[in-house]
Each structure stands twice: as structure tokens, then as C-alpha cells.
Amino acid sequence: MFDYPALAAVATVVREGSFERAAERLGVTPSAVSQRIRALEERLGSIVIVRGQPCVPTDLGRKLCAHVDLVQLLEADLAPVLSFANDHPEKPPTLKLAVNSDSMATWFPEAAAKFSHETGYLLEFIIEDEAHTADRLRSGEVIAAVSDDPGTVQGCKTIELGNLQYLACCSPEFADRHFSEGVTEEALRQAPCLRFERRDGLQARWVRQNYGIELDAPMHWVPSSLGFLNFGLSGLGWGMHPAMIAKAKISEGQLVELAPGRTLEVKLYWTVTRLHASALRTFTEAVRSVARQALV
């Protein structure tokens, strides 16, 4: 049998980043947290936390944290039928998810709020490119993910949500300066481009899809959805913006499309752990309901 107080200590240290903050959260001393984890590591014969600033889990530690999260979900379903549970109410469980930044900036907050209002559960997000969120699920870091990966994840089910539509946009001044003669191969090679981070391939994919060339342009790295939009509005470069955000700015004259009608669509999926927990069913329904309204 697992030593669940020790597992809770591991999960709290990982979530809080230090033994001191974990001790405050658990209501014990840092020494007690350290002793619990050291005893667990001795029993398992393996390190579960790499001490540092912040503390991070080993592969085994990550799997133990995932186990704790799943146990908390199952215990939450049992609480209403256990008389003693009402005498010692627990803090609501926290669900850890991996979601791409553009979904976070557009449609996903409505789904998250709908779920949280219905259940009272808390949420913790890992922001990751949609091409890599499923990897977070495979590693056991999260229990659900919004991804563009339709592949099978062991122990999970995958549901198609719809397409997140993107428009290639820039400010009117930027268009006059760099695309006065239209969107040509030479203009695409010379005009500065915005890129969210190194795994962001949307701009290159749009150019390849519509012009049959590989994008080799000056790049501004902007790892923030709000910053990406603001830098586009300021004329720093062109980039792929979610249509849900860009259309309003286009109608206000703050952005223009490089090539009207040439959209890019990214198919999104909801991949969630196959666990018979009511919270996961509720969250899945909230995600599907909002996606039906918001995605193409």
C-alpha cells in the first residue's frame, strides 16, 4: 500500500515548488515534509523529487503526482455518501490540464468556467503548443489536454472538437510598407514575421499551404497571446491570429488580412483520462458544449 501522506507531500512540493511552501499548504513543518518524502524515497529505492529552485519531479515522481490527482478525483465522488466526510470537508480537488495558448485566449475559458461553476473544482494549466499538449498527457503530467493530435494515448479517450480558424494579419501600416505590391514570394521573405515560440509552425504552414514555399523571413519571438496580438497591432510584424480575435480588429480597421479568404484551420481534440470520475464527464461535456458553439 502507498503511504498517502507521503504522496500528498510529494504532490504539494511539486505544485508549490519548495518544501517550505508545501509545508505551509499542508499545515506541517518543512522538516516533516522532508521526512515523509525521504522515507518514501528509501522505501521505493529511487529519488522522486530533484531538490532545487524550484523543486521538480523525476519521472517516477511525476507518475506518483498523477496517481495522487486521480485518487483525489475518485475520493471526491465518494465524499457525498460518506457521513464522516461532511465533518472534515476537504479542499476541492485541482485538475491539471495542458491547453494551447490560443485556445486559452479564445474559447476555452468559457468551458473552464462552466465546469468550475458546476463542480467547485480548481484548475491548473500548463500552456503548451497544440502539437505537444498530448505529450504532457502521455508523460502523466496532466489528466486532460486540448491537442491537435488525433493519435491514441494509452488509458485515454480522444474526442474531436472542431477547427480553430486563423487569419494571416498585420497592421494597415505594415501592409503598406511590406506588401504594397501584394503578397509575393519576395515580400514574404523580407517582411518580419511574428512567431509565438520555436515550436510554433503556423506562419510557415500558412505560407507553404498557400504559396508553396518555405518561410525564411526575419522573426520576432513573442511567447504571449496578448503580446502577439499587441505587437501585430503595433506593426512589428505579420502573424497568424485566431479569427475569433482578429475579425473584431479587422472590422475596426486595426488589422488587415494579407490574403482575404486564405484561412488556416487547426483541428483540435479533447483527450482525457479514462477514469470513471464524475468530474471528468462534467468537464468533457462543458468542453464539447462550448466547442460546438465556438469552433468551426
C-alpha atoms as a PDB file:
ATOM      1  CA  MET A   1       0.000   0.000   0.000  1.00  0.00           C
ATOM      2  CA  PHE A   2       1.114   3.526  -0.713  1.00  0.00           C
ATOM      3  CA  ASP A   3       1.865   5.984   2.071  1.00  0.00           C
ATOM      4  CA  TYR A   4      -0.670   8.612   1.012  1.00  0.00           C
ATOM      5  CA  PRO A   5       0.511  11.376   3.388  1.00  0.00           C
ATOM      6  CA  ALA A   6       3.933  10.974   1.763  1.00  0.00           C
ATOM      7  CA  LEU A   7       2.405  11.038  -1.731  1.00  0.00           C
ATOM      8  CA  ALA A   8       0.461  14.166  -0.799  1.00  0.00           C
ATOM      9  CA  ALA A   9       3.726  15.748   0.341  1.00  0.00           C
ATOM     10  CA  VAL A  10       5.367  14.906  -2.995  1.00  0.00           C
ATOM     11  CA  ALA A  11       2.465  16.326  -4.991  1.00  0.00           C
ATOM     12  CA  THR A  12       2.345  19.508  -2.902  1.00  0.00           C
ATOM     13  CA  VAL A  13       6.092  20.128  -3.155  1.00  0.00           C
ATOM     14  CA  VAL A  14       5.893  19.723  -6.940  1.00  0.00           C
ATOM     15  CA  ARG A  15       2.901  22.035  -7.180  1.00  0.00           C
ATOM     16  CA  GLU A  16       4.298  24.700  -4.829  1.00  0.00           C
ATOM     17  CA  GLY A  17       7.921  24.420  -5.957  1.00  0.00           C
ATOM     18  CA  SER A  18       9.516  24.234  -2.496  1.00  0.00           C
ATOM     19  CA  PHE A  19       9.389  22.310   0.768  1.00  0.00           C
ATOM     20  CA  GLU A  20       8.661  25.494   2.726  1.00  0.00           C
ATOM     21  CA  ARG A  21       5.582  26.482   0.709  1.00  0.00           C
ATOM     22  CA  ALA A  22       4.381  22.872   0.685  1.00  0.00           C
ATOM     23  CA  ALA A  23       4.674  22.780   4.484  1.00  0.00           C
ATOM     24  CA  GLU A  24       2.538  25.919   4.774  1.00  0.00           C
ATOM     25  CA  ARG A  25      -0.063  24.389   2.461  1.00  0.00           C
ATOM     26  CA  LEU A  26      -0.157  21.101   4.397  1.00  0.00           C
ATOM     27  CA  GLY A  27      -0.055  22.734   7.829  1.00  0.00           C
ATOM     28  CA  VAL A  28       3.094  20.916   8.955  1.00  0.00           C
ATOM     29  CA  THR A  29       6.778  21.813   9.297  1.00  0.00           C
ATOM     30  CA  PRO A  30       9.247  21.690   6.370  1.00  0.00           C
ATOM     31  CA  SER A  31      11.114  19.025   8.334  1.00  0.00           C
ATOM     32  CA  ALA A  32       8.004  16.846   8.428  1.00  0.00           C
ATOM     33  CA  VAL A  33       7.545  17.212   4.662  1.00  0.00           C
ATOM     34  CA  SER A  34      11.201  16.317   4.094  1.00  0.00           C
ATOM     35  CA  GLN A  35      10.979  13.267   6.369  1.00  0.00           C
ATOM     36  CA  ARG A  36       7.876  11.946   4.624  1.00  0.00           C
ATOM     37  CA  ILE A  37       9.456  12.257   1.188  1.00  0.00           C
ATOM     38  CA  ARG A  38      12.804  10.836   2.289  1.00  0.00           C
ATOM     39  CA  ALA A  39      11.076   7.814   3.828  1.00  0.00           C
ATOM     40  CA  LEU A  40       9.109   7.261   0.610  1.00  0.00           C
ATOM     41  CA  GLU A  41      12.269   7.501  -1.494  1.00  0.00           C
ATOM     42  CA  GLU A  42      14.032   4.995   0.752  1.00  0.00           C
ATOM     43  CA  ARG A  43      11.102   2.609   0.503  1.00  0.00           C
ATOM     44  CA  LEU A  44      10.932   2.916  -3.291  1.00  0.00           C
ATOM     45  CA  GLY A  45      14.707   2.919  -3.711  1.00  0.00           C
ATOM     46  CA  SER A  46      14.507   5.899  -6.032  1.00  0.00           C
ATOM     47  CA  ILE A  47      14.511   9.702  -5.948  1.00  0.00           C
ATOM     48  CA  VAL A  48      11.104  11.256  -6.610  1.00  0.00           C
ATOM     49  CA  ILE A  49      11.978  14.968  -6.299  1.00  0.00           C
ATOM     50  CA  VAL A  50      15.044  16.812  -7.537  1.00  0.00           C
ATOM     51  CA  ARG A  51      15.739  19.446  -4.870  1.00  0.00           C
ATOM     52  CA  GLY A  52      16.294  22.904  -6.301  1.00  0.00           C
ATOM     53  CA  GLN A  53      14.676  26.261  -7.010  1.00  0.00           C
ATOM     54  CA  PRO A  54      12.074  25.184  -7.877  1.00  0.00           C
ATOM     55  CA  CYS A  55      11.884  21.533  -6.873  1.00  0.00           C
ATOM     56  CA  VAL A  56      10.921  19.328  -9.820  1.00  0.00           C
ATOM     57  CA  PRO A  57       9.749  15.712 -10.013  1.00  0.00           C
ATOM     58  CA  THR A  58      11.677  12.843 -11.512  1.00  0.00           C
ATOM     59  CA  ASP A  59       9.826  10.609 -13.993  1.00  0.00           C
ATOM     60  CA  LEU A  60       8.750   8.433 -11.077  1.00  0.00           C
ATOM     61  CA  GLY A  61       7.745  11.499  -9.058  1.00  0.00           C
ATOM     62  CA  ARG A  62       5.621  12.731 -11.963  1.00  0.00           C
ATOM     63  CA  LYS A  63       3.804   9.406 -12.149  1.00  0.00           C
ATOM     64  CA  LEU A  64       3.169   9.481  -8.393  1.00  0.00           C
ATOM     65  CA  CYS A  65       1.728  13.011  -8.655  1.00  0.00           C
ATOM     66  CA  ALA A  66      -0.579  11.852 -11.444  1.00  0.00           C
ATOM     67  CA  HIS A  67      -1.710   8.944  -9.244  1.00  0.00           C
ATOM     68  CA  VAL A  68      -2.494  11.333  -6.385  1.00  0.00           C
ATOM     69  CA  ASP A  69      -4.582  13.528  -8.717  1.00  0.00           C
ATOM     70  CA  LEU A  70      -6.617  10.536  -9.884  1.00  0.00           C
ATOM     71  CA  VAL A  71      -7.170   9.270  -6.340  1.00  0.00           C
ATOM     72  CA  GLN A  72      -8.437  12.705  -5.296  1.00  0.00           C
ATOM     73  CA  LEU A  73     -10.985  12.642  -8.123  1.00  0.00           C
ATOM     74  CA  LEU A  74     -12.288   9.240  -7.075  1.00  0.00           C
ATOM     75  CA  GLU A  75     -12.407  10.262  -3.406  1.00  0.00           C
ATOM     76  CA  ALA A  76     -14.397  13.381  -4.334  1.00  0.00           C
ATOM     77  CA  ASP A  77     -17.086  11.131  -5.842  1.00  0.00           C
ATOM     78  CA  LEU A  78     -17.259   9.130  -2.609  1.00  0.00           C
ATOM     79  CA  ALA A  79     -17.437  12.124  -0.266  1.00  0.00           C
ATOM     80  CA  PRO A  80     -21.209  12.778  -0.609  1.00  0.00           C
ATOM     81  CA  VAL A  81     -22.053   9.235   0.576  1.00  0.00           C
ATOM     82  CA  LEU A  82     -19.590   9.156   3.477  1.00  0.00           C
ATOM     83  CA  SER A  83     -21.076  10.626   6.645  1.00  0.00           C
ATOM     84  CA  PHE A  84     -17.715  11.439   8.238  1.00  0.00           C
ATOM     85  CA  ALA A  85     -16.573  13.364   5.145  1.00  0.00           C
ATOM     86  CA  ASN A  86     -19.008  16.170   5.931  1.00  0.00           C
ATOM     87  CA  ASP A  87     -17.377  16.643   9.345  1.00  0.00           C
ATOM     88  CA  HIS A  88     -13.965  17.261   7.754  1.00  0.00           C
ATOM     89  CA  PRO A  89     -14.555  18.958   4.400  1.00  0.00           C
ATOM     90  CA  GLU A  90     -11.531  18.758   2.125  1.00  0.00           C
ATOM     91  CA  LYS A  91     -10.320  21.481  -0.171  1.00  0.00           C
ATOM     92  CA  PRO A  92     -11.718  20.969  -3.673  1.00  0.00           C
ATOM     93  CA  PRO A  93      -9.512  18.839  -5.943  1.00  0.00           C
ATOM     94  CA  THR A  94      -7.318  20.520  -8.538  1.00  0.00           C
ATOM     95  CA  LEU A  95      -7.398  19.233 -12.116  1.00  0.00           C
ATOM     96  CA  LYS A  96      -4.222  19.735 -14.122  1.00  0.00           C
ATOM     97  CA  LEU A  97      -4.632  20.346 -17.862  1.00  0.00           C
ATOM     98  CA  ALA A  98      -2.487  21.098 -20.894  1.00  0.00           C
ATOM     99  CA  VAL A  99      -4.037  23.654 -23.243  1.00  0.00           C
ATOM    100  CA  ASN A 100      -2.619  25.596 -26.172  1.00  0.00           C
ATOM    101  CA  SER A 101      -2.271  29.342 -25.721  1.00  0.00           C
ATOM    102  CA  ASP A 102      -4.715  30.364 -28.465  1.00  0.00           C
ATOM    103  CA  SER A 103      -7.493  28.203 -27.016  1.00  0.00           C
ATOM    104  CA  MET A 104      -6.790  29.782 -23.625  1.00  0.00           C
ATOM    105  CA  ALA A 105      -7.098  33.212 -25.219  1.00  0.00           C
ATOM    106  CA  THR A 106     -10.361  32.460 -27.031  1.00  0.00           C
ATOM    107  CA  TRP A 107     -12.909  29.719 -26.357  1.00  0.00           C
ATOM    108  CA  PHE A 108     -11.549  27.549 -23.521  1.00  0.00           C
ATOM    109  CA  PRO A 109     -12.103  29.942 -20.558  1.00  0.00           C
ATOM    110  CA  GLU A 110     -15.872  29.647 -21.056  1.00  0.00           C
ATOM    111  CA  ALA A 111     -15.654  25.848 -20.835  1.00  0.00           C
ATOM    112  CA  ALA A 112     -13.384  26.017 -17.778  1.00  0.00           C
ATOM    113  CA  ALA A 113     -15.699  28.470 -16.018  1.00  0.00           C
ATOM    114  CA  LYS A 114     -18.760  26.360 -16.840  1.00  0.00           C
ATOM    115  CA  PHE A 115     -17.091  23.300 -15.317  1.00  0.00           C
ATOM    116  CA  SER A 116     -15.784  25.096 -12.232  1.00  0.00           C
ATOM    117  CA  HIS A 117     -19.165  26.717 -11.508  1.00  0.00           C
ATOM    118  CA  GLU A 118     -20.865  23.312 -11.648  1.00  0.00           C
ATOM    119  CA  THR A 119     -18.334  21.409  -9.541  1.00  0.00           C
ATOM    120  CA  GLY A 120     -16.338  23.889  -7.461  1.00  0.00           C
ATOM    121  CA  TYR A 121     -13.131  22.199  -8.595  1.00  0.00           C
ATOM    122  CA  LEU A 122      -9.908  24.146  -9.085  1.00  0.00           C
ATOM    123  CA  LEU A 123      -7.811  24.126 -12.244  1.00  0.00           C
ATOM    124  CA  GLU A 124      -4.106  24.262 -13.002  1.00  0.00           C
ATOM    125  CA  PHE A 125      -2.961  24.839 -16.580  1.00  0.00           C
ATOM    126  CA  ILE A 126       0.186  24.004 -18.492  1.00  0.00           C
ATOM    127  CA  ILE A 127       0.398  26.203 -21.578  1.00  0.00           C
ATOM    128  CA  GLU A 128       1.856  24.259 -24.479  1.00  0.00           C
ATOM    129  CA  ASP A 129       1.769  24.290 -28.271  1.00  0.00           C
ATOM    130  CA  GLU A 130      -1.224  22.292 -29.523  1.00  0.00           C
ATOM    131  CA  ALA A 131       1.151  19.881 -31.279  1.00  0.00           C
ATOM    132  CA  HIS A 132       2.719  18.929 -27.934  1.00  0.00           C
ATOM    133  CA  THR A 133      -0.063  19.077 -25.319  1.00  0.00           C
ATOM    134  CA  ALA A 134      -0.795  15.356 -25.819  1.00  0.00           C
ATOM    135  CA  ASP A 135       2.817  14.619 -24.850  1.00  0.00           C
ATOM    136  CA  ARG A 136       2.084  16.140 -21.443  1.00  0.00           C
ATOM    137  CA  LEU A 137      -0.771  13.663 -21.105  1.00  0.00           C
ATOM    138  CA  ARG A 138       1.418  10.732 -22.165  1.00  0.00           C
ATOM    139  CA  SER A 139       4.012  11.696 -19.550  1.00  0.00           C
ATOM    140  CA  GLY A 140       1.375  11.711 -16.811  1.00  0.00           C
ATOM    141  CA  GLU A 141       1.728  15.424 -16.023  1.00  0.00           C
ATOM    142  CA  VAL A 142      -1.937  16.212 -16.764  1.00  0.00           C
ATOM    143  CA  ILE A 143      -5.242  14.361 -16.846  1.00  0.00           C
ATOM    144  CA  ALA A 144      -6.650  16.055 -19.961  1.00  0.00           C
ATOM    145  CA  ALA A 145      -5.413  18.117 -22.891  1.00  0.00           C
ATOM    146  CA  VAL A 146      -6.577  20.200 -25.838  1.00  0.00           C
ATOM    147  CA  SER A 147      -4.441  18.999 -28.723  1.00  0.00           C
ATOM    148  CA  ASP A 148      -4.170  18.794 -32.498  1.00  0.00           C
ATOM    149  CA  ASP A 149      -3.008  15.187 -32.108  1.00  0.00           C
ATOM    150  CA  PRO A 150      -5.693  12.611 -33.021  1.00  0.00           C
ATOM    151  CA  GLY A 151      -3.410   9.742 -32.029  1.00  0.00           C
ATOM    152  CA  THR A 152      -4.191   7.253 -29.330  1.00  0.00           C
ATOM    153  CA  VAL A 153      -2.960   7.973 -25.819  1.00  0.00           C
ATOM    154  CA  GLN A 154      -2.920   4.861 -23.633  1.00  0.00           C
ATOM    155  CA  GLY A 155      -5.609   4.965 -20.977  1.00  0.00           C
ATOM    156  CA  CYS A 156      -7.342   7.971 -22.551  1.00  0.00           C
ATOM    157  CA  LYS A 157     -10.170   8.733 -24.943  1.00  0.00           C
ATOM    158  CA  THR A 158      -9.940  11.344 -27.690  1.00  0.00           C
ATOM    159  CA  ILE A 159     -12.880  13.442 -28.899  1.00  0.00           C
ATOM    160  CA  GLU A 160     -12.820  15.672 -31.986  1.00  0.00           C
ATOM    161  CA  LEU A 161     -13.850  19.236 -31.092  1.00  0.00           C
ATOM    162  CA  GLY A 162     -13.665  21.259 -34.315  1.00  0.00           C
ATOM    163  CA  ASN A 163     -11.334  23.639 -36.081  1.00  0.00           C
ATOM    164  CA  LEU A 164      -9.712  26.743 -34.624  1.00  0.00           C
ATOM    165  CA  GLN A 165      -9.502  29.172 -37.547  1.00  0.00           C
ATOM    166  CA  TYR A 166      -6.571  31.522 -38.091  1.00  0.00           C
ATOM    167  CA  LEU A 167      -6.131  34.595 -40.307  1.00  0.00           C
ATOM    168  CA  ALA A 168      -2.807  35.954 -41.556  1.00  0.00           C
ATOM    169  CA  CYS A 169      -2.900  39.571 -40.392  1.00  0.00           C
ATOM    170  CA  CYS A 170      -0.838  42.685 -39.871  1.00  0.00           C
ATOM    171  CA  SER A 171      -1.454  46.371 -39.224  1.00  0.00           C
ATOM    172  CA  PRO A 172      -2.510  48.552 -42.192  1.00  0.00           C
ATOM    173  CA  GLU A 173       0.769  50.488 -41.945  1.00  0.00           C
ATOM    174  CA  PHE A 174       2.787  47.251 -42.026  1.00  0.00           C
ATOM    175  CA  ALA A 175       0.850  46.090 -45.089  1.00  0.00           C
ATOM    176  CA  ASP A 176       1.571  49.387 -46.892  1.00  0.00           C
ATOM    177  CA  ARG A 177       5.245  49.134 -46.013  1.00  0.00           C
ATOM    178  CA  HIS A 178       5.886  45.474 -46.852  1.00  0.00           C
ATOM    179  CA  PHE A 179       3.036  44.252 -49.068  1.00  0.00           C
ATOM    180  CA  SER A 180       2.245  47.298 -51.202  1.00  0.00           C
ATOM    181  CA  GLU A 181       2.540  45.127 -54.325  1.00  0.00           C
ATOM    182  CA  GLY A 182       0.663  42.203 -52.845  1.00  0.00           C
ATOM    183  CA  VAL A 183       1.735  39.033 -51.070  1.00  0.00           C
ATOM    184  CA  THR A 184       4.637  37.895 -53.209  1.00  0.00           C
ATOM    185  CA  GLU A 185       7.390  35.379 -52.541  1.00  0.00           C
ATOM    186  CA  GLU A 186       9.904  38.207 -52.216  1.00  0.00           C
ATOM    187  CA  ALA A 187       7.684  40.152 -49.801  1.00  0.00           C
ATOM    188  CA  LEU A 188       7.225  37.047 -47.624  1.00  0.00           C
ATOM    189  CA  ARG A 189      10.992  36.590 -47.447  1.00  0.00           C
ATOM    190  CA  GLN A 190      11.610  40.213 -46.470  1.00  0.00           C
ATOM    191  CA  ALA A 191       8.689  41.115 -44.174  1.00  0.00           C
ATOM    192  CA  PRO A 192       9.303  40.483 -40.447  1.00  0.00           C
ATOM    193  CA  CYS A 193       7.120  37.730 -39.039  1.00  0.00           C
ATOM    194  CA  LEU A 194       5.791  37.090 -35.546  1.00  0.00           C
ATOM    195  CA  ARG A 195       6.317  33.649 -34.014  1.00  0.00           C
ATOM    196  CA  PHE A 196       4.957  32.522 -30.678  1.00  0.00           C
ATOM    197  CA  GLU A 197       7.851  30.202 -29.855  1.00  0.00           C
ATOM    198  CA  ARG A 198      10.146  27.760 -31.601  1.00  0.00           C
ATOM    199  CA  ARG A 199       7.528  25.049 -31.946  1.00  0.00           C
ATOM    200  CA  ASP A 200       5.009  27.465 -33.490  1.00  0.00           C
ATOM    201  CA  GLY A 201       4.748  26.458 -37.136  1.00  0.00           C
ATOM    202  CA  LEU A 202       1.507  28.216 -38.083  1.00  0.00           C
ATOM    203  CA  GLN A 203       3.089  31.004 -40.128  1.00  0.00           C
ATOM    204  CA  ALA A 204       5.280  28.574 -42.071  1.00  0.00           C
ATOM    205  CA  ARG A 205       2.328  26.239 -42.580  1.00  0.00           C
ATOM    206  CA  TRP A 206       0.148  29.046 -43.992  1.00  0.00           C
ATOM    207  CA  VAL A 207       2.860  30.150 -46.423  1.00  0.00           C
ATOM    208  CA  ARG A 208       3.514  26.566 -47.520  1.00  0.00           C
ATOM    209  CA  GLN A 209      -0.210  25.874 -47.945  1.00  0.00           C
ATOM    210  CA  ASN A 210      -0.951  28.994 -49.971  1.00  0.00           C
ATOM    211  CA  TYR A 211       2.291  29.826 -51.785  1.00  0.00           C
ATOM    212  CA  GLY A 212       4.167  26.552 -51.947  1.00  0.00           C
ATOM    213  CA  ILE A 213       7.401  27.914 -50.452  1.00  0.00           C
ATOM    214  CA  GLU A 214       9.235  27.529 -47.166  1.00  0.00           C
ATOM    215  CA  LEU A 215       9.082  30.604 -44.947  1.00  0.00           C
ATOM    216  CA  ASP A 216      12.520  32.106 -44.399  1.00  0.00           C
ATOM    217  CA  ALA A 217      11.829  35.571 -43.034  1.00  0.00           C
ATOM    218  CA  PRO A 218      13.109  37.703 -40.130  1.00  0.00           C
ATOM    219  CA  MET A 219      11.372  36.513 -36.949  1.00  0.00           C
ATOM    220  CA  HIS A 220      10.200  38.268 -33.781  1.00  0.00           C
ATOM    221  CA  TRP A 221       9.695  35.770 -30.939  1.00  0.00           C
ATOM    222  CA  VAL A 222       6.617  36.732 -28.879  1.00  0.00           C
ATOM    223  CA  PRO A 223       5.611  33.996 -26.359  1.00  0.00           C
ATOM    224  CA  SER A 224       2.382  35.657 -25.198  1.00  0.00           C
ATOM    225  CA  SER A 225      -1.057  35.568 -26.831  1.00  0.00           C
ATOM    226  CA  LEU A 226      -1.842  39.123 -25.758  1.00  0.00           C
ATOM    227  CA  GLY A 227       1.653  40.282 -26.692  1.00  0.00           C
ATOM    228  CA  PHE A 228       1.380  38.544 -30.063  1.00  0.00           C
ATOM    229  CA  LEU A 229      -1.790  40.490 -30.812  1.00  0.00           C
ATOM    230  CA  ASN A 230      -0.440  43.780 -29.491  1.00  0.00           C
ATOM    231  CA  PHE A 231       2.782  43.505 -31.470  1.00  0.00           C
ATOM    232  CA  GLY A 232       0.749  42.779 -34.572  1.00  0.00           C
ATOM    233  CA  LEU A 233      -1.383  45.852 -33.930  1.00  0.00           C
ATOM    234  CA  SER A 234       1.738  47.960 -33.406  1.00  0.00           C
ATOM    235  CA  GLY A 235       3.160  46.993 -36.788  1.00  0.00           C
ATOM    236  CA  LEU A 236       6.085  44.886 -35.599  1.00  0.00           C
ATOM    237  CA  GLY A 237       5.292  42.007 -37.930  1.00  0.00           C
ATOM    238  CA  TRP A 238       2.632  39.815 -39.511  1.00  0.00           C
ATOM    239  CA  GLY A 239       1.356  36.603 -37.966  1.00  0.00           C
ATOM    240  CA  MET A 240      -1.429  34.049 -37.695  1.00  0.00           C
ATOM    241  CA  HIS A 241      -4.119  35.308 -35.322  1.00  0.00           C
ATOM    242  CA  PRO A 242      -7.188  33.344 -34.149  1.00  0.00           C
ATOM    243  CA  ALA A 243     -10.149  34.515 -36.243  1.00  0.00           C
ATOM    244  CA  MET A 244     -12.227  34.926 -33.066  1.00  0.00           C
ATOM    245  CA  ILE A 245      -9.855  37.730 -32.046  1.00  0.00           C
ATOM    246  CA  ALA A 246      -8.742  39.066 -35.424  1.00  0.00           C
ATOM    247  CA  LYS A 247     -12.164  39.649 -37.008  1.00  0.00           C
ATOM    248  CA  ALA A 248     -13.069  42.345 -34.494  1.00  0.00           C
ATOM    249  CA  LYS A 249      -9.747  44.120 -35.055  1.00  0.00           C
ATOM    250  CA  ILE A 250     -10.201  43.891 -38.825  1.00  0.00           C
ATOM    251  CA  SER A 251     -13.671  45.426 -38.636  1.00  0.00           C
ATOM    252  CA  GLU A 252     -12.230  48.258 -36.520  1.00  0.00           C
ATOM    253  CA  GLY A 253      -9.508  48.882 -39.122  1.00  0.00           C
ATOM    254  CA  GLN A 254      -6.674  47.946 -36.742  1.00  0.00           C
ATOM    255  CA  LEU A 255      -5.665  44.815 -38.669  1.00  0.00           C
ATOM    256  CA  VAL A 256      -5.870  43.727 -42.297  1.00  0.00           C
ATOM    257  CA  GLU A 257      -5.671  40.260 -43.820  1.00  0.00           C
ATOM    258  CA  LEU A 258      -2.668  39.587 -46.002  1.00  0.00           C
ATOM    259  CA  ALA A 259      -4.761  37.425 -48.328  1.00  0.00           C
ATOM    260  CA  PRO A 260      -8.500  37.613 -47.577  1.00  0.00           C
ATOM    261  CA  GLY A 261     -10.205  34.247 -47.668  1.00  0.00           C
ATOM    262  CA  ARG A 262      -6.991  32.240 -47.275  1.00  0.00           C
ATOM    263  CA  THR A 263      -7.567  30.928 -43.790  1.00  0.00           C
ATOM    264  CA  LEU A 264      -5.716  28.256 -41.864  1.00  0.00           C
ATOM    265  CA  GLU A 265      -7.662  25.787 -39.738  1.00  0.00           C
ATOM    266  CA  VAL A 266      -6.219  23.678 -36.941  1.00  0.00           C
ATOM    267  CA  LYS A 267      -8.322  20.674 -35.922  1.00  0.00           C
ATOM    268  CA  LEU A 268      -8.494  20.334 -32.140  1.00  0.00           C
ATOM    269  CA  TYR A 269      -9.177  17.316 -29.959  1.00  0.00           C
ATOM    270  CA  TRP A 270     -10.023  16.805 -26.297  1.00  0.00           C
ATOM    271  CA  THR A 271      -8.044  13.890 -24.879  1.00  0.00           C
ATOM    272  CA  VAL A 272      -8.964  12.895 -21.349  1.00  0.00           C
ATOM    273  CA  THR A 273      -8.022  10.122 -18.932  1.00  0.00           C
ATOM    274  CA  ARG A 274     -10.404   7.140 -18.947  1.00  0.00           C
ATOM    275  CA  LEU A 275     -11.326   7.335 -15.288  1.00  0.00           C
ATOM    276  CA  HIS A 276     -14.865   6.781 -14.017  1.00  0.00           C
ATOM    277  CA  ALA A 277     -14.949  10.104 -12.187  1.00  0.00           C
ATOM    278  CA  SER A 278     -17.995  12.351 -12.494  1.00  0.00           C
ATOM    279  CA  ALA A 279     -15.805  15.471 -12.699  1.00  0.00           C
ATOM    280  CA  LEU A 280     -14.162  14.290 -15.920  1.00  0.00           C
ATOM    281  CA  ARG A 281     -17.534  13.567 -17.510  1.00  0.00           C
ATOM    282  CA  THR A 282     -18.789  17.008 -16.475  1.00  0.00           C
ATOM    283  CA  PHE A 283     -15.662  18.708 -17.809  1.00  0.00           C
ATOM    284  CA  THR A 284     -15.846  16.803 -21.097  1.00  0.00           C
ATOM    285  CA  GLU A 285     -19.447  17.868 -21.617  1.00  0.00           C
ATOM    286  CA  ALA A 286     -18.572  21.505 -20.853  1.00  0.00           C
ATOM    287  CA  VAL A 287     -15.687  21.424 -23.344  1.00  0.00           C
ATOM    288  CA  ARG A 288     -17.792  19.800 -26.064  1.00  0.00           C
ATOM    289  CA  SER A 289     -20.684  22.202 -25.499  1.00  0.00           C
ATOM    290  CA  VAL A 290     -18.544  25.340 -25.813  1.00  0.00           C
ATOM    291  CA  ALA A 291     -16.514  23.910 -28.720  1.00  0.00           C
ATOM    292  CA  ARG A 292     -19.696  23.250 -30.692  1.00  0.00           C
ATOM    293  CA  GLN A 293     -20.556  26.941 -30.421  1.00  0.00           C
ATOM    294  CA  ALA A 294     -17.103  28.459 -30.880  1.00  0.00           C
ATOM    295  CA  LEU A 295     -15.087  26.279 -33.247  1.00  0.00           C
ATOM    296  CA  VAL A 296     -15.577  25.867 -36.993  1.00  0.00           C
END
